Amino acid sequence: MRDKRFIAEHRGGPLSMQKHCLLAAWAADCAEHVLPLFSNQHPNDNRPWHAIEAARAWTRGEITVGAARKASVTAHAAAREATDDAAQFAARAAGHAVATAHMADHAPGAAMYAIKALKAITNEETVIKQEHAWQVEQLPEEIRDLILSTFKQKFAFLSL
């Protein structure tokens, strides 16, 4: 069931455009933080990087939701073509970040896939917890409770 807190005001939900943009920008930050895990394996494929740029462009009103959705599709295509799990998860993080423009509830998915990308290269609990702490530090106050409560509900399996 979809969390109604992520439904935009123009669709009858409580999420303001300002918070929607904050979610997309934060998701882009989370994805970008691990995107080198993709680029190290696929240095000539910039589709996930383009997705990050598109997410930020959407927050500034420079592109449409449709353009953001196309960027998401291409990032997920890059993920499907990735040769290892870390690269795949990093590209998926970028795809979710830009998909936040279409549906705000993709934002936590960007952070979750960023964590999964790191877990694919290390099971060192300290590294995973540091990444999660970094993600939380990046959260603007206006969306902090929304994201943290979502982590507790949906991503408990990550053992954060």
C-alpha atoms as a PDB file:
ATOM      1  CA  MET A   1       0.000   0.000   0.000  1.00  0.00           C
ATOM      2  CA  ARG A   2       1.305   3.441  -0.934  1.00  0.00           C
ATOM      3  CA  ASP A   3       2.236   5.816   1.884  1.00  0.00           C
ATOM      4  CA  LYS A   4      -0.148   8.750   1.438  1.00  0.00           C
ATOM      5  CA  ARG A   5       2.412  11.152   2.916  1.00  0.00           C
ATOM      6  CA  PHE A   6       4.310  10.911  -0.372  1.00  0.00           C
ATOM      7  CA  ILE A   7       1.361  11.917  -2.549  1.00  0.00           C
ATOM      8  CA  ALA A   8       1.767  15.402  -4.011  1.00  0.00           C
ATOM      9  CA  GLU A   9      -0.721  18.148  -3.220  1.00  0.00           C
ATOM     10  CA  HIS A  10      -1.746  18.475  -6.855  1.00  0.00           C
ATOM     11  CA  ARG A  11      -2.797  14.804  -6.696  1.00  0.00           C
ATOM     12  CA  GLY A  12      -4.790  15.289  -3.491  1.00  0.00           C
ATOM     13  CA  GLY A  13      -2.056  14.405  -1.022  1.00  0.00           C
ATOM     14  CA  PRO A  14      -0.267  16.387   1.671  1.00  0.00           C
ATOM     15  CA  LEU A  15       3.173  16.655   0.019  1.00  0.00           C
ATOM     16  CA  SER A  16       4.031  20.216  -0.962  1.00  0.00           C
ATOM     17  CA  MET A  17       6.064  20.943  -4.066  1.00  0.00           C
ATOM     18  CA  GLN A  18       8.850  22.289  -1.855  1.00  0.00           C
ATOM     19  CA  LYS A  19       9.116  19.013   0.070  1.00  0.00           C
ATOM     20  CA  HIS A  20       8.814  17.007  -3.133  1.00  0.00           C
ATOM     21  CA  CYS A  21      11.821  18.868  -4.524  1.00  0.00           C
ATOM     22  CA  LEU A  22      13.742  18.360  -1.278  1.00  0.00           C
ATOM     23  CA  LEU A  23      13.075  14.634  -1.520  1.00  0.00           C
ATOM     24  CA  ALA A  24      14.375  14.520  -5.100  1.00  0.00           C
ATOM     25  CA  ALA A  25      17.486  16.534  -4.265  1.00  0.00           C
ATOM     26  CA  TRP A  26      18.261  14.359  -1.228  1.00  0.00           C
ATOM     27  CA  ALA A  27      17.703  11.179  -3.242  1.00  0.00           C
ATOM     28  CA  ALA A  28      20.093  12.500  -5.909  1.00  0.00           C
ATOM     29  CA  ASP A  29      22.713  13.155  -3.220  1.00  0.00           C
ATOM     30  CA  CYS A  30      22.359   9.613  -1.865  1.00  0.00           C
ATOM     31  CA  ALA A  31      22.658   8.038  -5.304  1.00  0.00           C
ATOM     32  CA  GLU A  32      25.528  10.232  -6.414  1.00  0.00           C
ATOM     33  CA  HIS A  33      27.475   9.293  -3.294  1.00  0.00           C
ATOM     34  CA  VAL A  34      27.795   5.669  -4.504  1.00  0.00           C
ATOM     35  CA  LEU A  35      27.702   6.221  -8.257  1.00  0.00           C
ATOM     36  CA  PRO A  36      31.477   5.739  -8.596  1.00  0.00           C
ATOM     37  CA  LEU A  37      30.735   2.051  -7.907  1.00  0.00           C
ATOM     38  CA  PHE A  38      28.976   2.051 -11.275  1.00  0.00           C
ATOM     39  CA  SER A  39      31.491   4.243 -13.097  1.00  0.00           C
ATOM     40  CA  ASN A  40      34.448   2.154 -11.931  1.00  0.00           C
ATOM     41  CA  GLN A  41      32.974  -0.807 -13.810  1.00  0.00           C
ATOM     42  CA  HIS A  42      31.362   1.114 -16.690  1.00  0.00           C
ATOM     43  CA  PRO A  43      33.429   4.260 -17.278  1.00  0.00           C
ATOM     44  CA  ASN A  44      31.867   5.005 -20.664  1.00  0.00           C
ATOM     45  CA  ASP A  45      28.244   4.743 -19.551  1.00  0.00           C
ATOM     46  CA  ASN A  46      26.991   8.019 -18.134  1.00  0.00           C
ATOM     47  CA  ARG A  47      23.263   7.209 -18.083  1.00  0.00           C
ATOM     48  CA  PRO A  48      23.111   7.061 -14.262  1.00  0.00           C
ATOM     49  CA  TRP A  49      25.014  10.348 -14.021  1.00  0.00           C
ATOM     50  CA  HIS A  50      22.545  11.859 -16.482  1.00  0.00           C
ATOM     51  CA  ALA A  51      19.738  10.660 -14.192  1.00  0.00           C
ATOM     52  CA  ILE A  52      21.292  12.531 -11.259  1.00  0.00           C
ATOM     53  CA  GLU A  53      21.582  15.676 -13.375  1.00  0.00           C
ATOM     54  CA  ALA A  54      17.962  15.261 -14.486  1.00  0.00           C
ATOM     55  CA  ALA A  55      16.763  14.885 -10.890  1.00  0.00           C
ATOM     56  CA  ARG A  56      18.454  18.139  -9.962  1.00  0.00           C
ATOM     57  CA  ALA A  57      17.185  19.857 -13.114  1.00  0.00           C
ATOM     58  CA  TRP A  58      13.634  18.817 -12.196  1.00  0.00           C
ATOM     59  CA  THR A  59      13.992  20.338  -8.719  1.00  0.00           C
ATOM     60  CA  ARG A  60      14.959  23.630 -10.381  1.00  0.00           C
ATOM     61  CA  GLY A  61      11.986  23.472 -12.757  1.00  0.00           C
ATOM     62  CA  GLU A  62      14.225  23.052 -15.798  1.00  0.00           C
ATOM     63  CA  ILE A  63      12.763  19.767 -17.068  1.00  0.00           C
ATOM     64  CA  THR A  64       9.356  18.116 -17.006  1.00  0.00           C
ATOM     65  CA  VAL A  65       8.301  15.047 -15.068  1.00  0.00           C
ATOM     66  CA  GLY A  66       8.191  13.218 -18.410  1.00  0.00           C
ATOM     67  CA  ALA A  67      11.837  14.005 -19.087  1.00  0.00           C
ATOM     68  CA  ALA A  68      12.724  12.868 -15.579  1.00  0.00           C
ATOM     69  CA  ARG A  69      10.861   9.588 -16.125  1.00  0.00           C
ATOM     70  CA  LYS A  70      12.826   8.984 -19.338  1.00  0.00           C
ATOM     71  CA  ALA A  71      16.073   9.544 -17.448  1.00  0.00           C
ATOM     72  CA  SER A  72      14.910   7.026 -14.853  1.00  0.00           C
ATOM     73  CA  VAL A  73      14.184   4.420 -17.507  1.00  0.00           C
ATOM     74  CA  THR A  74      17.655   4.836 -18.999  1.00  0.00           C
ATOM     75  CA  ALA A  75      19.350   4.575 -15.584  1.00  0.00           C
ATOM     76  CA  HIS A  76      17.458   1.352 -14.902  1.00  0.00           C
ATOM     77  CA  ALA A  77      18.508   0.069 -18.340  1.00  0.00           C
ATOM     78  CA  ALA A  78      22.113   0.745 -17.340  1.00  0.00           C
ATOM     79  CA  ALA A  79      21.476  -1.200 -14.132  1.00  0.00           C
ATOM     80  CA  ARG A  80      20.167  -4.195 -16.072  1.00  0.00           C
ATOM     81  CA  GLU A  81      23.306  -4.148 -18.222  1.00  0.00           C
ATOM     82  CA  ALA A  82      25.685  -3.776 -15.265  1.00  0.00           C
ATOM     83  CA  THR A  83      28.222  -6.534 -14.783  1.00  0.00           C
ATOM     84  CA  ASP A  84      28.188  -6.718 -10.992  1.00  0.00           C
ATOM     85  CA  ASP A  85      25.793  -6.154  -8.124  1.00  0.00           C
ATOM     86  CA  ALA A  86      27.428  -2.993  -6.772  1.00  0.00           C
ATOM     87  CA  ALA A  87      27.261  -1.291 -10.162  1.00  0.00           C
ATOM     88  CA  GLN A  88      23.701  -2.482 -10.697  1.00  0.00           C
ATOM     89  CA  PHE A  89      22.510  -1.193  -7.320  1.00  0.00           C
ATOM     90  CA  ALA A  90      24.293   2.142  -7.780  1.00  0.00           C
ATOM     91  CA  ALA A  91      22.578   2.660 -11.151  1.00  0.00           C
ATOM     92  CA  ARG A  92      19.235   1.701  -9.596  1.00  0.00           C
ATOM     93  CA  ALA A  93      19.818   4.313  -6.895  1.00  0.00           C
ATOM     94  CA  ALA A  94      20.180   6.930  -9.632  1.00  0.00           C
ATOM     95  CA  GLY A  95      17.052   5.643 -11.362  1.00  0.00           C
ATOM     96  CA  HIS A  96      15.039   5.956  -8.162  1.00  0.00           C
ATOM     97  CA  ALA A  97      16.442   9.393  -7.438  1.00  0.00           C
ATOM     98  CA  VAL A  98      15.169  10.855 -10.706  1.00  0.00           C
ATOM     99  CA  ALA A  99      11.936   8.830 -10.526  1.00  0.00           C
ATOM    100  CA  THR A 100      11.162  10.833  -7.379  1.00  0.00           C
ATOM    101  CA  ALA A 101       9.996  13.609  -9.719  1.00  0.00           C
ATOM    102  CA  HIS A 102       7.166  11.340 -10.858  1.00  0.00           C
ATOM    103  CA  MET A 103       6.408   9.674  -7.526  1.00  0.00           C
ATOM    104  CA  ALA A 104       7.968  11.049  -4.373  1.00  0.00           C
ATOM    105  CA  ASP A 105       8.016   7.676  -2.670  1.00  0.00           C
ATOM    106  CA  HIS A 106      10.952   6.666  -4.897  1.00  0.00           C
ATOM    107  CA  ALA A 107      13.232   8.862  -2.763  1.00  0.00           C
ATOM    108  CA  PRO A 108      13.809   6.305   0.011  1.00  0.00           C
ATOM    109  CA  GLY A 109      14.515   3.717  -2.686  1.00  0.00           C
ATOM    110  CA  ALA A 110      17.492   5.755  -3.863  1.00  0.00           C
ATOM    111  CA  ALA A 111      18.973   5.649  -0.370  1.00  0.00           C
ATOM    112  CA  MET A 112      18.161   1.959   0.039  1.00  0.00           C
ATOM    113  CA  TYR A 113      19.841   1.026  -3.259  1.00  0.00           C
ATOM    114  CA  ALA A 114      22.869   3.111  -2.303  1.00  0.00           C
ATOM    115  CA  ILE A 115      23.181   1.022   0.858  1.00  0.00           C
ATOM    116  CA  LYS A 116      22.712  -2.182  -1.146  1.00  0.00           C
ATOM    117  CA  ALA A 117      25.489  -1.070  -3.510  1.00  0.00           C
ATOM    118  CA  LEU A 118      27.877  -0.770  -0.591  1.00  0.00           C
ATOM    119  CA  LYS A 119      26.718  -4.070   0.902  1.00  0.00           C
ATOM    120  CA  ALA A 120      27.585  -5.702  -2.425  1.00  0.00           C
ATOM    121  CA  ILE A 121      31.245  -4.771  -1.965  1.00  0.00           C
ATOM    122  CA  THR A 122      31.547  -5.095   1.800  1.00  0.00           C
ATOM    123  CA  ASN A 123      29.635  -6.609   4.659  1.00  0.00           C
ATOM    124  CA  GLU A 124      31.549  -4.460   7.085  1.00  0.00           C
ATOM    125  CA  GLU A 125      28.822  -3.138   9.336  1.00  0.00           C
ATOM    126  CA  THR A 126      30.766   0.029  10.139  1.00  0.00           C
ATOM    127  CA  VAL A 127      30.880   1.086   6.471  1.00  0.00           C
ATOM    128  CA  ILE A 128      27.154   0.485   6.015  1.00  0.00           C
ATOM    129  CA  LYS A 129      26.258   2.376   9.178  1.00  0.00           C
ATOM    130  CA  GLN A 130      28.536   5.263   8.185  1.00  0.00           C
ATOM    131  CA  GLU A 131      26.788   5.533   4.824  1.00  0.00           C
ATOM    132  CA  HIS A 132      23.370   5.506   6.464  1.00  0.00           C
ATOM    133  CA  ALA A 133      24.530   8.147   8.961  1.00  0.00           C
ATOM    134  CA  TRP A 134      25.819  10.242   6.050  1.00  0.00           C
ATOM    135  CA  GLN A 135      22.431   9.917   4.321  1.00  0.00           C
ATOM    136  CA  VAL A 136      20.635  11.050   7.481  1.00  0.00           C
ATOM    137  CA  GLU A 137      23.010  14.002   7.885  1.00  0.00           C
ATOM    138  CA  GLN A 138      22.075  15.166   4.386  1.00  0.00           C
ATOM    139  CA  LEU A 139      18.353  15.193   5.188  1.00  0.00           C
ATOM    140  CA  PRO A 140      16.767  18.624   5.291  1.00  0.00           C
ATOM    141  CA  GLU A 141      14.783  19.116   8.490  1.00  0.00           C
ATOM    142  CA  GLU A 142      11.544  19.515   6.505  1.00  0.00           C
ATOM    143  CA  ILE A 143      11.633  15.889   5.306  1.00  0.00           C
ATOM    144  CA  ARG A 144      13.641  14.230   8.095  1.00  0.00           C
ATOM    145  CA  ASP A 145      10.713  12.631   9.948  1.00  0.00           C
ATOM    146  CA  LEU A 146       9.096  11.435   6.731  1.00  0.00           C
ATOM    147  CA  ILE A 147      12.253   9.648   5.569  1.00  0.00           C
ATOM    148  CA  LEU A 148      13.309   8.270   8.944  1.00  0.00           C
ATOM    149  CA  SER A 149       9.891   6.787   9.632  1.00  0.00           C
ATOM    150  CA  THR A 150       9.918   5.228   6.166  1.00  0.00           C
ATOM    151  CA  PHE A 151      13.327   3.651   6.806  1.00  0.00           C
ATOM    152  CA  LYS A 152      11.986   2.061   9.985  1.00  0.00           C
ATOM    153  CA  GLN A 153       8.868   0.739   8.259  1.00  0.00           C
ATOM    154  CA  LYS A 154      10.188  -0.469   4.916  1.00  0.00           C
ATOM    155  CA  PHE A 155      13.922  -0.981   5.166  1.00  0.00           C
ATOM    156  CA  ALA A 156      14.394  -2.762   8.484  1.00  0.00           C
ATOM    157  CA  PHE A 157      15.917  -5.650   6.509  1.00  0.00           C
ATOM    158  CA  LEU A 158      18.998  -3.515   5.914  1.00  0.00           C
ATOM    159  CA  SER A 159      19.853  -3.722   9.641  1.00  0.00           C
ATOM    160  CA  LEU A 160      20.707  -0.037   9.994  1.00  0.00           C
END
